């Protein structure tokens, strides 16, 4: 079964950009934890930056894959992660 071109674009996006963004967001979280930032603030910053970076990357490929349900699911997750991060920072607990 061959994939169409749009599905290949989404696959390549997931395979080549998401791991780099994950490492960068994890590095930010590690630096915040080493700096002894409170856990809820560090996790809020992590979720906000990770979700924001994934959302920006998703918007870049939107015109190619916006009709795929997997893309819509990924974008919902990215925006949701951004909102959760913002809520954790605004209402720390």
PDB file of N, CA and C in Angstrom:
ATOM      1  N   UNK A   1       0.838  -1.168   0.000  1.00  0.00           N
ATOM      2  CA  UNK A   1       0.000   0.000   0.000  1.00  0.00           C
ATOM      3  C   UNK A   1       0.893   1.243   0.000  1.00  0.00           C
ATOM      4  N   UNK A   2       0.761   2.063  -1.017  1.00  0.00           N
ATOM      5  CA  UNK A   2       1.560   3.273  -1.139  1.00  0.00           C
ATOM      6  C   UNK A   2       0.881   4.435  -0.433  1.00  0.00           C
ATOM      7  N   UNK A   3       1.708   5.273   0.173  1.00  0.00           N
ATOM      8  CA  UNK A   3       1.192   6.478   0.817  1.00  0.00           C
ATOM      9  C   UNK A   3       1.115   7.593  -0.212  1.00  0.00           C
ATOM     10  N   UNK A   4       0.125   8.455  -0.046  1.00  0.00           N
ATOM     11  CA  UNK A   4       0.079   9.618  -0.923  1.00  0.00           C
ATOM     12  C   UNK A   4       1.126  10.636  -0.462  1.00  0.00           C
ATOM     13  N   UNK A   5       1.367  11.637  -1.276  1.00  0.00           N
ATOM     14  CA  UNK A   5       2.425  12.601  -0.992  1.00  0.00           C
ATOM     15  C   UNK A   5       2.179  13.381   0.294  1.00  0.00           C
ATOM     16  N   UNK A   6       0.939  13.713   0.580  1.00  0.00           N
ATOM     17  CA  UNK A   6       0.647  14.471   1.799  1.00  0.00           C
ATOM     18  C   UNK A   6       0.949  13.660   3.053  1.00  0.00           C
ATOM     19  N   UNK A   7       0.651  12.380   3.017  1.00  0.00           N
ATOM     20  CA  UNK A   7       0.954  11.527   4.154  1.00  0.00           C
ATOM     21  C   UNK A   7       2.461  11.386   4.343  1.00  0.00           C
ATOM     22  N   UNK A   8       3.197  11.350   3.255  1.00  0.00           N
ATOM     23  CA  UNK A   8       4.662  11.293   3.353  1.00  0.00           C
ATOM     24  C   UNK A   8       5.220  12.580   3.951  1.00  0.00           C
ATOM     25  N   UNK A   9       4.639  13.716   3.577  1.00  0.00           N
ATOM     26  CA  UNK A   9       5.083  14.984   4.151  1.00  0.00           C
ATOM     27  C   UNK A   9       4.852  14.979   5.664  1.00  0.00           C
ATOM     28  N   UNK A  10       3.696  14.515   6.095  1.00  0.00           N
ATOM     29  CA  UNK A  10       3.402  14.461   7.530  1.00  0.00           C
ATOM     30  C   UNK A  10       4.331  13.482   8.239  1.00  0.00           C
ATOM     31  N   UNK A  11       4.575  12.348   7.632  1.00  0.00           N
ATOM     32  CA  UNK A  11       5.493  11.361   8.222  1.00  0.00           C
ATOM     33  C   UNK A  11       6.889  11.949   8.379  1.00  0.00           C
ATOM     34  N   UNK A  12       7.371  12.624   7.332  1.00  0.00           N
ATOM     35  CA  UNK A  12       8.700  13.219   7.397  1.00  0.00           C
ATOM     36  C   UNK A  12       8.755  14.337   8.435  1.00  0.00           C
ATOM     37  N   UNK A  13       7.687  15.095   8.532  1.00  0.00           N
ATOM     38  CA  UNK A  13       7.604  16.134   9.561  1.00  0.00           C
ATOM     39  C   UNK A  13       7.743  15.520  10.951  1.00  0.00           C
ATOM     40  N   UNK A  14       6.989  14.472  11.183  1.00  0.00           N
ATOM     41  CA  UNK A  14       7.028  13.829  12.495  1.00  0.00           C
ATOM     42  C   UNK A  14       8.380  13.191  12.763  1.00  0.00           C
ATOM     43  N   UNK A  15       8.979  12.596  11.746  1.00  0.00           N
ATOM     44  CA  UNK A  15      10.233  11.873  11.937  1.00  0.00           C
ATOM     45  C   UNK A  15      11.438  12.787  12.105  1.00  0.00           C
ATOM     46  N   UNK A  16      11.432  13.940  11.453  1.00  0.00           N
ATOM     47  CA  UNK A  16      12.639  14.750  11.428  1.00  0.00           C
ATOM     48  C   UNK A  16      12.581  16.032  12.239  1.00  0.00           C
ATOM     49  N   UNK A  17      11.428  16.523  12.579  1.00  0.00           N
ATOM     50  CA  UNK A  17      11.387  17.776  13.341  1.00  0.00           C
ATOM     51  C   UNK A  17      10.965  17.587  14.792  1.00  0.00           C
ATOM     52  N   UNK A  18      10.041  16.715  15.040  1.00  0.00           N
ATOM     53  CA  UNK A  18       9.535  16.542  16.406  1.00  0.00           C
ATOM     54  C   UNK A  18      10.631  16.062  17.373  1.00  0.00           C
ATOM     55  N   UNK A  19      11.502  15.124  16.988  1.00  0.00           N
ATOM     56  CA  UNK A  19      12.560  14.743  17.939  1.00  0.00           C
ATOM     57  C   UNK A  19      13.485  15.905  18.313  1.00  0.00           C
ATOM     58  N   UNK A  20      13.788  16.781  17.364  1.00  0.00           N
ATOM     59  CA  UNK A  20      14.654  17.914  17.666  1.00  0.00           C
ATOM     60  C   UNK A  20      13.975  18.886  18.629  1.00  0.00           C
ATOM     61  N   UNK A  21      12.699  19.123  18.406  1.00  0.00           N
ATOM     62  CA  UNK A  21      11.949  20.013  19.291  1.00  0.00           C
ATOM     63  C   UNK A  21      11.842  19.391  20.685  1.00  0.00           C
ATOM     64  N   UNK A  22      11.669  18.090  20.741  1.00  0.00           N
ATOM     65  CA  UNK A  22      11.580  17.398  22.029  1.00  0.00           C
ATOM     66  C   UNK A  22      12.873  17.528  22.817  1.00  0.00           C
ATOM     67  N   UNK A  23      14.002  17.363  22.138  1.00  0.00           N
ATOM     68  CA  UNK A  23      15.303  17.500  22.811  1.00  0.00           C
ATOM     69  C   UNK A  23      15.502  18.925  23.307  1.00  0.00           C
ATOM     70  N   UNK A  24      15.150  19.918  22.502  1.00  0.00           N
ATOM     71  CA  UNK A  24      15.303  21.307  22.914  1.00  0.00           C
ATOM     72  C   UNK A  24      14.426  21.626  24.122  1.00  0.00           C
ATOM     73  N   UNK A  25      13.174  21.208  24.084  1.00  0.00           N
ATOM     74  CA  UNK A  25      12.279  21.460  25.215  1.00  0.00           C
ATOM     75  C   UNK A  25      12.754  20.715  26.459  1.00  0.00           C
ATOM     76  N   UNK A  26      13.249  19.503  26.288  1.00  0.00           N
ATOM     77  CA  UNK A  26      13.790  18.750  27.423  1.00  0.00           C
ATOM     78  C   UNK A  26      15.026  19.414  28.006  1.00  0.00           C
ATOM     79  N   UNK A  27      15.857  19.993  27.150  1.00  0.00           N
ATOM     80  CA  UNK A  27      17.040  20.706  27.637  1.00  0.00           C
ATOM     81  C   UNK A  27      16.633  21.934  28.448  1.00  0.00           C
ATOM     82  N   UNK A  28      15.604  22.627  27.987  1.00  0.00           N
ATOM     83  CA  UNK A  28      15.099  23.782  28.737  1.00  0.00           C
ATOM     84  C   UNK A  28      14.593  23.335  30.105  1.00  0.00           C
ATOM     85  N   UNK A  29      13.854  22.226  30.132  1.00  0.00           N
ATOM     86  CA  UNK A  29      13.366  21.698  31.405  1.00  0.00           C
ATOM     87  C   UNK A  29      14.528  21.318  32.321  1.00  0.00           C
ATOM     88  N   UNK A  30      15.545  20.679  31.774  1.00  0.00           N
ATOM     89  CA  UNK A  30      16.708  20.287  32.574  1.00  0.00           C
ATOM     90  C   UNK A  30      17.428  21.478  33.171  1.00  0.00           C
ATOM     91  N   UNK A  31      17.612  22.521  32.380  1.00  0.00           N
ATOM     92  CA  UNK A  31      18.279  23.723  32.878  1.00  0.00           C
ATOM     93  C   UNK A  31      17.458  24.368  33.991  1.00  0.00           C
ATOM     94  N   UNK A  32      16.139  24.406  33.803  1.00  0.00           N
ATOM     95  CA  UNK A  32      15.289  24.990  34.849  1.00  0.00           C
ATOM     96  C   UNK A  32      15.344  24.174  36.137  1.00  0.00           C
ATOM     97  N   UNK A  33      15.390  22.859  36.015  1.00  0.00           N
ATOM     98  CA  UNK A  33      15.457  22.018  37.213  1.00  0.00           C
ATOM     99  C   UNK A  33      16.814  22.142  37.903  1.00  0.00           C
ATOM    100  N   UNK A  34      17.879  22.244  37.112  1.00  0.00           N
ATOM    101  CA  UNK A  34      19.212  22.429  37.706  1.00  0.00           C
ATOM    102  C   UNK A  34      19.302  23.773  38.409  1.00  0.00           C
ATOM    103  N   UNK A  35      18.608  24.767  37.862  1.00  0.00           N
ATOM    104  CA  UNK A  35      18.595  26.102  38.470  1.00  0.00           C
ATOM    105  C   UNK A  35      17.666  26.180  39.679  1.00  0.00           C
ATOM    106  N   UNK A  36      17.082  25.051  40.038  1.00  0.00           N
ATOM    107  CA  UNK A  36      16.200  24.943  41.205  1.00  0.00           C
ATOM    108  C   UNK A  36      14.953  25.820  41.098  1.00  0.00           C
ATOM    109  N   UNK A  37      14.438  25.939  39.894  1.00  0.00           N
ATOM    110  CA  UNK A  37      13.152  26.603  39.687  1.00  0.00           C
ATOM    111  C   UNK A  37      12.082  25.662  40.242  1.00  0.00           C
ATOM    112  N   UNK A  38      11.043  26.157  40.877  1.00  0.00           N
ATOM    113  CA  UNK A  38       9.996  25.268  41.391  1.00  0.00           C
ATOM    114  C   UNK A  38       9.439  24.349  40.291  1.00  0.00           C
ATOM    115  N   UNK A  39       9.130  23.132  40.684  1.00  0.00           N
ATOM    116  CA  UNK A  39       8.740  22.091  39.733  1.00  0.00           C
ATOM    117  C   UNK A  39       7.549  22.517  38.869  1.00  0.00           C
ATOM    118  N   UNK A  40       6.512  23.086  39.476  1.00  0.00           N
ATOM    119  CA  UNK A  40       5.334  23.451  38.686  1.00  0.00           C
ATOM    120  C   UNK A  40       5.647  24.559  37.686  1.00  0.00           C
ATOM    121  N   UNK A  41       6.527  25.478  38.029  1.00  0.00           N
ATOM    122  CA  UNK A  41       6.922  26.535  37.091  1.00  0.00           C
ATOM    123  C   UNK A  41       7.753  25.938  35.962  1.00  0.00           C
ATOM    124  N   UNK A  42       8.688  25.044  36.298  1.00  0.00           N
ATOM    125  CA  UNK A  42       9.522  24.416  35.277  1.00  0.00           C
ATOM    126  C   UNK A  42       8.667  23.590  34.309  1.00  0.00           C
ATOM    127  N   UNK A  43       7.713  22.847  34.831  1.00  0.00           N
ATOM    128  CA  UNK A  43       6.845  22.052  33.965  1.00  0.00           C
ATOM    129  C   UNK A  43       5.918  22.934  33.133  1.00  0.00           C
ATOM    130  N   UNK A  44       5.479  24.043  33.686  1.00  0.00           N
ATOM    131  CA  UNK A  44       4.669  24.977  32.927  1.00  0.00           C
ATOM    132  C   UNK A  44       5.441  25.594  31.769  1.00  0.00           C
ATOM    133  N   UNK A  45       6.680  25.993  32.038  1.00  0.00           N
ATOM    134  CA  UNK A  45       7.523  26.546  30.976  1.00  0.00           C
ATOM    135  C   UNK A  45       7.807  25.480  29.920  1.00  0.00           C
ATOM    136  N   UNK A  46       8.074  24.250  30.364  1.00  0.00           N
ATOM    137  CA  UNK A  46       8.318  23.146  29.430  1.00  0.00           C
ATOM    138  C   UNK A  46       7.114  22.917  28.527  1.00  0.00           C
ATOM    139  N   UNK A  47       5.947  22.795  29.122  1.00  0.00           N
ATOM    140  CA  UNK A  47       4.742  22.535  28.328  1.00  0.00           C
ATOM    141  C   UNK A  47       4.436  23.693  27.391  1.00  0.00           C
ATOM    142  N   UNK A  48       4.610  24.903  27.860  1.00  0.00           N
ATOM    143  CA  UNK A  48       4.348  26.067  27.031  1.00  0.00           C
ATOM    144  C   UNK A  48       5.309  26.137  25.847  1.00  0.00           C
ATOM    145  N   UNK A  49       6.596  25.982  26.087  1.00  0.00           N
ATOM    146  CA  UNK A  49       7.563  26.079  24.990  1.00  0.00           C
ATOM    147  C   UNK A  49       7.454  24.901  24.035  1.00  0.00           C
ATOM    148  N   UNK A  50       7.267  23.702  24.564  1.00  0.00           N
ATOM    149  CA  UNK A  50       7.144  22.520  23.712  1.00  0.00           C
ATOM    150  C   UNK A  50       5.893  22.612  22.839  1.00  0.00           C
ATOM    151  N   UNK A  51       4.776  22.964  23.439  1.00  0.00           N
ATOM    152  CA  UNK A  51       3.544  23.099  22.678  1.00  0.00           C
ATOM    153  C   UNK A  51       3.615  24.220  21.655  1.00  0.00           C
ATOM    154  N   UNK A  52       4.232  25.316  22.023  1.00  0.00           N
ATOM    155  CA  UNK A  52       4.360  26.443  21.103  1.00  0.00           C
ATOM    156  C   UNK A  52       5.248  26.086  19.912  1.00  0.00           C
ATOM    157  N   UNK A  53       6.356  25.420  20.170  1.00  0.00           N
ATOM    158  CA  UNK A  53       7.241  25.015  19.067  1.00  0.00           C
ATOM    159  C   UNK A  53       6.557  24.011  18.146  1.00  0.00           C
ATOM    160  N   UNK A  54       5.834  23.050  18.721  1.00  0.00           N
ATOM    161  CA  UNK A  54       5.115  22.083  17.883  1.00  0.00           C
ATOM    162  C   UNK A  54       4.011  22.759  17.078  1.00  0.00           C
ATOM    163  N   UNK A  55       3.340  23.726  17.678  1.00  0.00           N
ATOM    164  CA  UNK A  55       2.293  24.449  16.968  1.00  0.00           C
ATOM    165  C   UNK A  55       2.866  25.253  15.803  1.00  0.00           C
ATOM    166  N   UNK A  56       3.973  25.915  16.024  1.00  0.00           N
ATOM    167  CA  UNK A  56       4.602  26.689  14.950  1.00  0.00           C
ATOM    168  C   UNK A  56       5.036  25.778  13.813  1.00  0.00           C
ATOM    169  N   UNK A  57       5.652  24.657  14.146  1.00  0.00           N
ATOM    170  CA  UNK A  57       6.058  23.719  13.100  1.00  0.00           C
ATOM    171  C   UNK A  57       4.853  23.156  12.361  1.00  0.00           C
ATOM    172  N   UNK A  58       3.785  22.898  13.085  1.00  0.00           N
ATOM    173  CA  UNK A  58       2.569  22.403  12.446  1.00  0.00           C
ATOM    174  C   UNK A  58       1.950  23.417  11.510  1.00  0.00           C
ATOM    175  N   UNK A  59       2.018  24.683  11.879  1.00  0.00           N
ATOM    176  CA  UNK A  59       1.473  25.725  11.012  1.00  0.00           C
ATOM    177  C   UNK A  59       2.290  25.886   9.731  1.00  0.00           C
ATOM    178  N   UNK A  60       3.566  25.561   9.796  1.00  0.00           N
ATOM    179  CA  UNK A  60       4.417  25.661   8.616  1.00  0.00           C
ATOM    180  C   UNK A  60       3.982  24.657   7.545  1.00  0.00           C
ATOM    181  N   UNK A  61       3.583  23.455   7.945  1.00  0.00           N
ATOM    182  CA  UNK A  61       3.210  22.438   6.953  1.00  0.00           C
ATOM    183  C   UNK A  61       1.698  22.370   6.728  1.00  0.00           C
ATOM    184  N   UNK A  62       0.970  23.302   7.284  1.00  0.00           N
ATOM    185  CA  UNK A  62      -0.489  23.263   7.232  1.00  0.00           C
ATOM    186  C   UNK A  62      -1.047  23.186   5.822  1.00  0.00           C
ATOM    187  N   UNK A  63      -0.526  23.943   4.905  1.00  0.00           N
ATOM    188  CA  UNK A  63      -1.106  23.978   3.566  1.00  0.00           C
ATOM    189  C   UNK A  63      -0.973  22.645   2.837  1.00  0.00           C
ATOM    190  N   UNK A  64      -0.022  21.820   3.253  1.00  0.00           N
ATOM    191  CA  UNK A  64       0.171  20.536   2.589  1.00  0.00           C
ATOM    192  C   UNK A  64      -0.701  19.425   3.167  1.00  0.00           C
ATOM    193  N   UNK A  65      -0.931  19.463   4.473  1.00  0.00           N
ATOM    194  CA  UNK A  65      -1.538  18.301   5.132  1.00  0.00           C
ATOM    195  C   UNK A  65      -2.759  18.627   5.983  1.00  0.00           C
ATOM    196  N   UNK A  66      -3.338  19.784   5.819  1.00  0.00           N
ATOM    197  CA  UNK A  66      -4.425  20.192   6.717  1.00  0.00           C
ATOM    198  C   UNK A  66      -5.670  19.321   6.594  1.00  0.00           C
ATOM    199  N   UNK A  67      -5.812  18.579   5.536  1.00  0.00           N
ATOM    200  CA  UNK A  67      -6.999  17.733   5.362  1.00  0.00           C
ATOM    201  C   UNK A  67      -6.860  16.360   6.026  1.00  0.00           C
ATOM    202  N   UNK A  68      -5.670  16.015   6.511  1.00  0.00           N
ATOM    203  CA  UNK A  68      -5.459  14.708   7.150  1.00  0.00           C
ATOM    204  C   UNK A  68      -5.920  14.747   8.604  1.00  0.00           C
ATOM    205  N   UNK A  69      -6.615  13.687   9.036  1.00  0.00           N
ATOM    206  CA  UNK A  69      -7.112  13.648  10.411  1.00  0.00           C
ATOM    207  C   UNK A  69      -5.962  13.568  11.404  1.00  0.00           C
ATOM    208  N   UNK A  70      -4.865  12.912  11.033  1.00  0.00           N
ATOM    209  CA  UNK A  70      -3.717  12.809  11.936  1.00  0.00           C
ATOM    210  C   UNK A  70      -3.111  14.189  12.206  1.00  0.00           C
ATOM    211  N   UNK A  71      -3.062  15.027  11.186  1.00  0.00           N
ATOM    212  CA  UNK A  71      -2.552  16.388  11.363  1.00  0.00           C
ATOM    213  C   UNK A  71      -3.442  17.164  12.323  1.00  0.00           C
ATOM    214  N   UNK A  72      -4.741  17.037  12.150  1.00  0.00           N
ATOM    215  CA  UNK A  72      -5.670  17.753  13.034  1.00  0.00           C
ATOM    216  C   UNK A  72      -5.518  17.293  14.483  1.00  0.00           C
ATOM    217  N   UNK A  73      -5.299  16.009  14.674  1.00  0.00           N
ATOM    218  CA  UNK A  73      -5.091  15.462  16.010  1.00  0.00           C
ATOM    219  C   UNK A  73      -3.790  15.994  16.613  1.00  0.00           C
ATOM    220  N   UNK A  74      -2.737  16.034  15.813  1.00  0.00           N
ATOM    221  CA  UNK A  74      -1.448  16.546  16.280  1.00  0.00           C
ATOM    222  C   UNK A  74      -1.557  18.022  16.644  1.00  0.00           C
ATOM    223  N   UNK A  75      -2.253  18.788  15.826  1.00  0.00           N
ATOM    224  CA  UNK A  75      -2.408  20.211  16.112  1.00  0.00           C
ATOM    225  C   UNK A  75      -3.253  20.436  17.366  1.00  0.00           C
ATOM    226  N   UNK A  76      -4.273  19.625  17.559  1.00  0.00           N
ATOM    227  CA  UNK A  76      -5.084  19.743  18.775  1.00  0.00           C
ATOM    228  C   UNK A  76      -4.229  19.451  20.008  1.00  0.00           C
ATOM    229  N   UNK A  77      -3.371  18.443  19.912  1.00  0.00           N
ATOM    230  CA  UNK A  77      -2.472  18.126  21.020  1.00  0.00           C
ATOM    231  C   UNK A  77      -1.503  19.274  21.275  1.00  0.00           C
ATOM    232  N   UNK A  78      -0.929  19.834  20.221  1.00  0.00           N
ATOM    233  CA  UNK A  78       0.047  20.914  20.363  1.00  0.00           C
ATOM    234  C   UNK A  78      -0.569  22.159  20.995  1.00  0.00           C
ATOM    235  N   UNK A  79      -1.714  22.544  20.503  1.00  0.00           N
ATOM    236  CA  UNK A  79      -2.388  23.720  21.058  1.00  0.00           C
ATOM    237  C   UNK A  79      -2.834  23.444  22.491  1.00  0.00           C
ATOM    238  N   UNK A  80      -3.325  22.238  22.747  1.00  0.00           N
ATOM    239  CA  UNK A  80      -3.721  21.866  24.107  1.00  0.00           C
ATOM    240  C   UNK A  80      -2.548  21.894  25.073  1.00  0.00           C
ATOM    241  N   UNK A  81      -1.395  21.421  24.624  1.00  0.00           N
ATOM    242  CA  UNK A  81      -0.193  21.441  25.468  1.00  0.00           C
ATOM    243  C   UNK A  81       0.228  22.873  25.770  1.00  0.00           C
ATOM    244  N   UNK A  82       0.122  23.736  24.782  1.00  0.00           N
ATOM    245  CA  UNK A  82       0.442  25.151  24.990  1.00  0.00           C
ATOM    246  C   UNK A  82      -0.496  25.772  26.018  1.00  0.00           C
ATOM    247  N   UNK A  83      -1.782  25.477  25.906  1.00  0.00           N
ATOM    248  CA  UNK A  83      -2.753  26.026  26.855  1.00  0.00           C
ATOM    249  C   UNK A  83      -2.547  25.491  28.268  1.00  0.00           C
ATOM    250  N   UNK A  84      -2.241  24.225  28.374  1.00  0.00           N
ATOM    251  CA  UNK A  84      -1.967  23.639  29.693  1.00  0.00           C
ATOM    252  C   UNK A  84      -0.740  24.292  30.327  1.00  0.00           C
ATOM    253  N   UNK A  85       0.296  24.485  29.538  1.00  0.00           N
ATOM    254  CA  UNK A  85       1.485  25.156  30.059  1.00  0.00           C
ATOM    255  C   UNK A  85       1.184  26.556  30.537  1.00  0.00           C
ATOM    256  N   UNK A  86       0.389  27.287  29.755  1.00  0.00           N
ATOM    257  CA  UNK A  86       0.022  28.654  30.164  1.00  0.00           C
ATOM    258  C   UNK A  86      -0.821  28.625  31.434  1.00  0.00           C
ATOM    259  N   UNK A  87      -1.742  27.686  31.527  1.00  0.00           N
ATOM    260  CA  UNK A  87      -2.581  27.594  32.740  1.00  0.00           C
ATOM    261  C   UNK A  87      -1.766  27.239  33.965  1.00  0.00           C
ATOM    262  N   UNK A  88      -0.786  26.354  33.810  1.00  0.00           N
ATOM    263  CA  UNK A  88       0.059  25.984  34.949  1.00  0.00           C
ATOM    264  C   UNK A  88       0.870  27.184  35.412  1.00  0.00           C
ATOM    265  N   UNK A  89       1.304  28.021  34.479  1.00  0.00           N
ATOM    266  CA  UNK A  89       2.071  29.203  34.872  1.00  0.00           C
ATOM    267  C   UNK A  89       1.194  30.285  35.505  1.00  0.00           C
ATOM    268  N   UNK A  90      -0.026  30.427  35.005  1.00  0.00           N
ATOM    269  CA  UNK A  90      -0.923  31.458  35.540  1.00  0.00           C
ATOM    270  C   UNK A  90      -1.496  31.034  36.884  1.00  0.00           C
ATOM    271  N   UNK A  91      -1.898  29.769  36.989  1.00  0.00           N
ATOM    272  CA  UNK A  91      -2.461  29.239  38.240  1.00  0.00           C
ATOM    273  C   UNK A  91      -1.549  28.140  38.751  1.00  0.00           C
ATOM    274  N   UNK A  92      -0.467  28.481  39.445  1.00  0.00           N
ATOM    275  CA  UNK A  92       0.538  27.482  39.812  1.00  0.00           C
ATOM    276  C   UNK A  92       0.073  26.441  40.835  1.00  0.00           C
ATOM    277  N   UNK A  93      -1.034  26.597  41.410  1.00  0.00           N
ATOM    278  CA  UNK A  93      -1.460  25.506  42.242  1.00  0.00           C
ATOM    279  C   UNK A  93      -1.988  25.899  43.546  1.00  0.00           C
TER     280      UNK A  93
END
